[in-house]
Amino acid sequence: MSEEAKAAELVVRCDCGFEARGDEEKLIPIVQKHGVDAHNMQVTREQVLAMARPA
């Protein structure tokens, strides 16, 4: 993956209303923490990226 693609802003929206934005490095830990804190769910990096959409 190119450096430009890695830096692209992504967004993840949860059914509960939670929304997070950022590049992959920022977004993945935020969404993983939300999964555990709000839903008691472990979310993998791959699952976060599958839910992410361009912002």
PDB file of N, CA and C in Angstrom:
ATOM      1  N   MET A   1       0.858  -1.179   0.000  1.00  0.00           N
ATOM      2  CA  MET A   1       0.000   0.000   0.000  1.00  0.00           C
ATOM      3  C   MET A   1       0.902   1.239   0.000  1.00  0.00           C
ATOM      4  N   SER A   2       0.558   2.227  -0.803  1.00  0.00           N
ATOM      5  CA  SER A   2       1.368   3.430  -0.903  1.00  0.00           C
ATOM      6  C   SER A   2       1.224   4.287   0.354  1.00  0.00           C
ATOM      7  N   GLU A   3       2.190   5.180   0.558  1.00  0.00           N
ATOM      8  CA  GLU A   3       2.128   6.091   1.699  1.00  0.00           C
ATOM      9  C   GLU A   3       0.894   6.983   1.597  1.00  0.00           C
ATOM     10  N   GLU A   4       0.529   7.371   0.381  1.00  0.00           N
ATOM     11  CA  GLU A   4      -0.649   8.224   0.191  1.00  0.00           C
ATOM     12  C   GLU A   4      -1.917   7.498   0.622  1.00  0.00           C
ATOM     13  N   ALA A   5      -2.048   6.229   0.273  1.00  0.00           N
ATOM     14  CA  ALA A   5      -3.235   5.456   0.659  1.00  0.00           C
ATOM     15  C   ALA A   5      -3.298   5.264   2.164  1.00  0.00           C
ATOM     16  N   LYS A   6      -2.158   5.047   2.799  1.00  0.00           N
ATOM     17  CA  LYS A   6      -2.131   4.864   4.253  1.00  0.00           C
ATOM     18  C   LYS A   6      -2.573   6.132   4.971  1.00  0.00           C
ATOM     19  N   ALA A   7      -2.250   7.288   4.415  1.00  0.00           N
ATOM     20  CA  ALA A   7      -2.550   8.555   5.072  1.00  0.00           C
ATOM     21  C   ALA A   7      -3.976   9.030   4.801  1.00  0.00           C
ATOM     22  N   ALA A   8      -4.692   8.361   3.920  1.00  0.00           N
ATOM     23  CA  ALA A   8      -6.047   8.788   3.586  1.00  0.00           C
ATOM     24  C   ALA A   8      -6.945   8.695   4.814  1.00  0.00           C
ATOM     25  N   GLU A   9      -7.811   9.684   4.985  1.00  0.00           N
ATOM     26  CA  GLU A   9      -8.722   9.679   6.122  1.00  0.00           C
ATOM     27  C   GLU A   9      -9.857   8.691   5.887  1.00  0.00           C
ATOM     28  N   LEU A  10     -10.113   7.895   6.897  1.00  0.00           N
ATOM     29  CA  LEU A  10     -11.180   6.895   6.859  1.00  0.00           C
ATOM     30  C   LEU A  10     -12.186   7.214   7.948  1.00  0.00           C
ATOM     31  N   VAL A  11     -13.378   6.654   7.818  1.00  0.00           N
ATOM     32  CA  VAL A  11     -14.402   6.825   8.841  1.00  0.00           C
ATOM     33  C   VAL A  11     -15.042   5.475   9.119  1.00  0.00           C
ATOM     34  N   VAL A  12     -15.318   5.221  10.398  1.00  0.00           N
ATOM     35  CA  VAL A  12     -16.066   4.036  10.823  1.00  0.00           C
ATOM     36  C   VAL A  12     -17.267   4.532  11.604  1.00  0.00           C
ATOM     37  N   ARG A  13     -18.444   4.066  11.216  1.00  0.00           N
ATOM     38  CA  ARG A  13     -19.681   4.404  11.923  1.00  0.00           C
ATOM     39  C   ARG A  13     -20.261   3.114  12.496  1.00  0.00           C
ATOM     40  N   CYS A  14     -20.553   3.147  13.780  1.00  0.00           N
ATOM     41  CA  CYS A  14     -21.122   1.999  14.481  1.00  0.00           C
ATOM     42  C   CYS A  14     -22.642   2.164  14.533  1.00  0.00           C
ATOM     43  N   ASP A  15     -23.356   1.062  14.580  1.00  0.00           N
ATOM     44  CA  ASP A  15     -24.816   1.099  14.675  1.00  0.00           C
ATOM     45  C   ASP A  15     -25.298   1.843  15.917  1.00  0.00           C
ATOM     46  N   CYS A  16     -24.462   1.934  16.948  1.00  0.00           N
ATOM     47  CA  CYS A  16     -24.857   2.614  18.186  1.00  0.00           C
ATOM     48  C   CYS A  16     -24.753   4.134  18.078  1.00  0.00           C
ATOM     49  N   GLY A  17     -24.204   4.630  16.972  1.00  0.00           N
ATOM     50  CA  GLY A  17     -24.072   6.067  16.791  1.00  0.00           C
ATOM     51  C   GLY A  17     -22.641   6.571  16.911  1.00  0.00           C
ATOM     52  N   PHE A  18     -21.732   5.733  17.378  1.00  0.00           N
ATOM     53  CA  PHE A  18     -20.325   6.096  17.488  1.00  0.00           C
ATOM     54  C   PHE A  18     -19.745   6.312  16.090  1.00  0.00           C
ATOM     55  N   GLU A  19     -18.883   7.313  15.971  1.00  0.00           N
ATOM     56  CA  GLU A  19     -18.190   7.571  14.711  1.00  0.00           C
ATOM     57  C   GLU A  19     -16.758   7.955  15.009  1.00  0.00           C
ATOM     58  N   ALA A  20     -15.826   7.397  14.244  1.00  0.00           N
ATOM     59  CA  ALA A  20     -14.417   7.735  14.394  1.00  0.00           C
ATOM     60  C   ALA A  20     -13.826   7.995  13.017  1.00  0.00           C
ATOM     61  N   ARG A  21     -12.900   8.962  12.964  1.00  0.00           N
ATOM     62  CA  ARG A  21     -12.231   9.327  11.719  1.00  0.00           C
ATOM     63  C   ARG A  21     -10.734   9.391  11.945  1.00  0.00           C
ATOM     64  N   GLY A  22      -9.987   9.098  10.906  1.00  0.00           N
ATOM     65  CA  GLY A  22      -8.539   9.230  10.965  1.00  0.00           C
ATOM     66  C   GLY A  22      -7.879   8.316   9.976  1.00  0.00           C
ATOM     67  N   ASP A  23      -6.547   8.378   9.925  1.00  0.00           N
ATOM     68  CA  ASP A  23      -5.830   7.442   9.073  1.00  0.00           C
ATOM     69  C   ASP A  23      -5.805   6.083   9.775  1.00  0.00           C
ATOM     70  N   GLU A  24      -5.297   5.072   9.104  1.00  0.00           N
ATOM     71  CA  GLU A  24      -5.312   3.707   9.670  1.00  0.00           C
ATOM     72  C   GLU A  24      -4.692   3.646  11.052  1.00  0.00           C
ATOM     73  N   GLU A  25      -3.525   4.265  11.206  1.00  0.00           N
ATOM     74  CA  GLU A  25      -2.812   4.191  12.489  1.00  0.00           C
ATOM     75  C   GLU A  25      -3.625   4.764  13.635  1.00  0.00           C
ATOM     76  N   LYS A  26      -4.343   5.836  13.387  1.00  0.00           N
ATOM     77  CA  LYS A  26      -5.142   6.487  14.429  1.00  0.00           C
ATOM     78  C   LYS A  26      -6.475   5.762  14.630  1.00  0.00           C
ATOM     79  N   LEU A  27      -7.105   5.380  13.523  1.00  0.00           N
ATOM     80  CA  LEU A  27      -8.462   4.843  13.557  1.00  0.00           C
ATOM     81  C   LEU A  27      -8.559   3.460  14.214  1.00  0.00           C
ATOM     82  N   ILE A  28      -7.661   2.574  13.879  1.00  0.00           N
ATOM     83  CA  ILE A  28      -7.763   1.188  14.344  1.00  0.00           C
ATOM     84  C   ILE A  28      -7.822   1.084  15.869  1.00  0.00           C
ATOM     85  N   PRO A  29      -6.894   1.674  16.632  1.00  0.00           N
ATOM     86  CA  PRO A  29      -6.992   1.546  18.094  1.00  0.00           C
ATOM     87  C   PRO A  29      -8.236   2.213  18.684  1.00  0.00           C
ATOM     88  N   ILE A  30      -8.701   3.299  18.072  1.00  0.00           N
ATOM     89  CA  ILE A  30      -9.902   3.967  18.577  1.00  0.00           C
ATOM     90  C   ILE A  30     -11.114   3.055  18.429  1.00  0.00           C
ATOM     91  N   VAL A  31     -11.256   2.447  17.256  1.00  0.00           N
ATOM     92  CA  VAL A  31     -12.400   1.560  17.007  1.00  0.00           C
ATOM     93  C   VAL A  31     -12.290   0.295  17.856  1.00  0.00           C
ATOM     94  N   GLN A  32     -11.090  -0.237  18.015  1.00  0.00           N
ATOM     95  CA  GLN A  32     -10.909  -1.419  18.862  1.00  0.00           C
ATOM     96  C   GLN A  32     -11.298  -1.110  20.303  1.00  0.00           C
ATOM     97  N   LYS A  33     -10.898   0.051  20.806  1.00  0.00           N
ATOM     98  CA  LYS A  33     -11.258   0.429  22.180  1.00  0.00           C
ATOM     99  C   LYS A  33     -12.770   0.588  22.308  1.00  0.00           C
ATOM    100  N   HIS A  34     -13.410   1.205  21.334  1.00  0.00           N
ATOM    101  CA  HIS A  34     -14.868   1.349  21.357  1.00  0.00           C
ATOM    102  C   HIS A  34     -15.538  -0.016  21.395  1.00  0.00           C
ATOM    103  N   GLY A  35     -15.059  -0.942  20.589  1.00  0.00           N
ATOM    104  CA  GLY A  35     -15.640  -2.287  20.563  1.00  0.00           C
ATOM    105  C   GLY A  35     -15.630  -2.940  21.933  1.00  0.00           C
ATOM    106  N   VAL A  36     -14.507  -2.841  22.619  1.00  0.00           N
ATOM    107  CA  VAL A  36     -14.378  -3.435  23.955  1.00  0.00           C
ATOM    108  C   VAL A  36     -15.216  -2.672  24.975  1.00  0.00           C
ATOM    109  N   ASP A  37     -15.066  -1.350  25.005  1.00  0.00           N
ATOM    110  CA  ASP A  37     -15.727  -0.532  26.025  1.00  0.00           C
ATOM    111  C   ASP A  37     -17.249  -0.526  25.877  1.00  0.00           C
ATOM    112  N   ALA A  38     -17.738  -0.395  24.659  1.00  0.00           N
ATOM    113  CA  ALA A  38     -19.175  -0.224  24.452  1.00  0.00           C
ATOM    114  C   ALA A  38     -19.918  -1.528  24.189  1.00  0.00           C
ATOM    115  N   HIS A  39     -19.223  -2.508  23.609  1.00  0.00           N
ATOM    116  CA  HIS A  39     -19.925  -3.713  23.165  1.00  0.00           C
ATOM    117  C   HIS A  39     -19.306  -5.021  23.664  1.00  0.00           C
ATOM    118  N   ASN A  40     -18.232  -4.914  24.458  1.00  0.00           N
ATOM    119  CA  ASN A  40     -17.538  -6.095  24.973  1.00  0.00           C
ATOM    120  C   ASN A  40     -17.131  -7.026  23.832  1.00  0.00           C
ATOM    121  N   MET A  41     -16.630  -6.430  22.737  1.00  0.00           N
ATOM    122  CA  MET A  41     -16.235  -7.187  21.542  1.00  0.00           C
ATOM    123  C   MET A  41     -14.784  -6.874  21.188  1.00  0.00           C
ATOM    124  N   GLN A  42     -14.021  -7.899  20.903  1.00  0.00           N
ATOM    125  CA  GLN A  42     -12.669  -7.733  20.381  1.00  0.00           C
ATOM    126  C   GLN A  42     -12.775  -7.593  18.863  1.00  0.00           C
ATOM    127  N   VAL A  43     -12.173  -6.557  18.307  1.00  0.00           N
ATOM    128  CA  VAL A  43     -12.223  -6.307  16.870  1.00  0.00           C
ATOM    129  C   VAL A  43     -10.803  -6.328  16.331  1.00  0.00           C
ATOM    130  N   THR A  44     -10.576  -7.105  15.281  1.00  0.00           N
ATOM    131  CA  THR A  44      -9.241  -7.187  14.693  1.00  0.00           C
ATOM    132  C   THR A  44      -8.985  -6.001  13.774  1.00  0.00           C
ATOM    133  N   ARG A  45      -7.729  -5.803  13.453  1.00  0.00           N
ATOM    134  CA  ARG A  45      -7.334  -4.755  12.507  1.00  0.00           C
ATOM    135  C   ARG A  45      -8.091  -4.946  11.191  1.00  0.00           C
ATOM    136  N   GLU A  46      -8.145  -6.176  10.720  1.00  0.00           N
ATOM    137  CA  GLU A  46      -8.813  -6.477   9.453  1.00  0.00           C
ATOM    138  C   GLU A  46     -10.306  -6.155   9.517  1.00  0.00           C
ATOM    139  N   GLN A  47     -10.936  -6.403  10.651  1.00  0.00           N
ATOM    140  CA  GLN A  47     -12.366  -6.103  10.801  1.00  0.00           C
ATOM    141  C   GLN A  47     -12.590  -4.587  10.787  1.00  0.00           C
ATOM    142  N   VAL A  48     -11.711  -3.849  11.441  1.00  0.00           N
ATOM    143  CA  VAL A  48     -11.840  -2.385  11.432  1.00  0.00           C
ATOM    144  C   VAL A  48     -11.724  -1.875  10.003  1.00  0.00           C
ATOM    145  N   LEU A  49     -10.727  -2.354   9.276  1.00  0.00           N
ATOM    146  CA  LEU A  49     -10.520  -1.888   7.907  1.00  0.00           C
ATOM    147  C   LEU A  49     -11.680  -2.292   6.993  1.00  0.00           C
ATOM    148  N   ALA A  50     -12.309  -3.421   7.265  1.00  0.00           N
ATOM    149  CA  ALA A  50     -13.465  -3.842   6.472  1.00  0.00           C
ATOM    150  C   ALA A  50     -14.667  -2.928   6.719  1.00  0.00           C
ATOM    151  N   MET A  51     -14.766  -2.357   7.905  1.00  0.00           N
ATOM    152  CA  MET A  51     -15.878  -1.443   8.240  1.00  0.00           C
ATOM    153  C   MET A  51     -15.591  -0.019   7.772  1.00  0.00           C
ATOM    154  N   ALA A  52     -14.323   0.318   7.586  1.00  0.00           N
ATOM    155  CA  ALA A  52     -13.920   1.690   7.263  1.00  0.00           C
ATOM    156  C   ALA A  52     -14.306   2.073   5.849  1.00  0.00           C
ATOM    157  N   ARG A  53     -14.670   3.322   5.697  1.00  0.00           N
ATOM    158  CA  ARG A  53     -14.999   3.900   4.395  1.00  0.00           C
ATOM    159  C   ARG A  53     -14.223   5.195   4.232  1.00  0.00           C
ATOM    160  N   PRO A  54     -13.959   5.616   3.010  1.00  0.00           N
ATOM    161  CA  PRO A  54     -13.285   6.912   2.825  1.00  0.00           C
ATOM    162  C   PRO A  54     -14.120   8.029   3.456  1.00  0.00           C
ATOM    163  N   ALA A  55     -13.441   8.941   4.108  1.00  0.00           N
ATOM    164  CA  ALA A  55     -14.145  10.046   4.781  1.00  0.00           C
ATOM    165  C   ALA A  55     -14.505  11.136   3.792  1.00  0.00           C
TER     166      ALA A  55
END
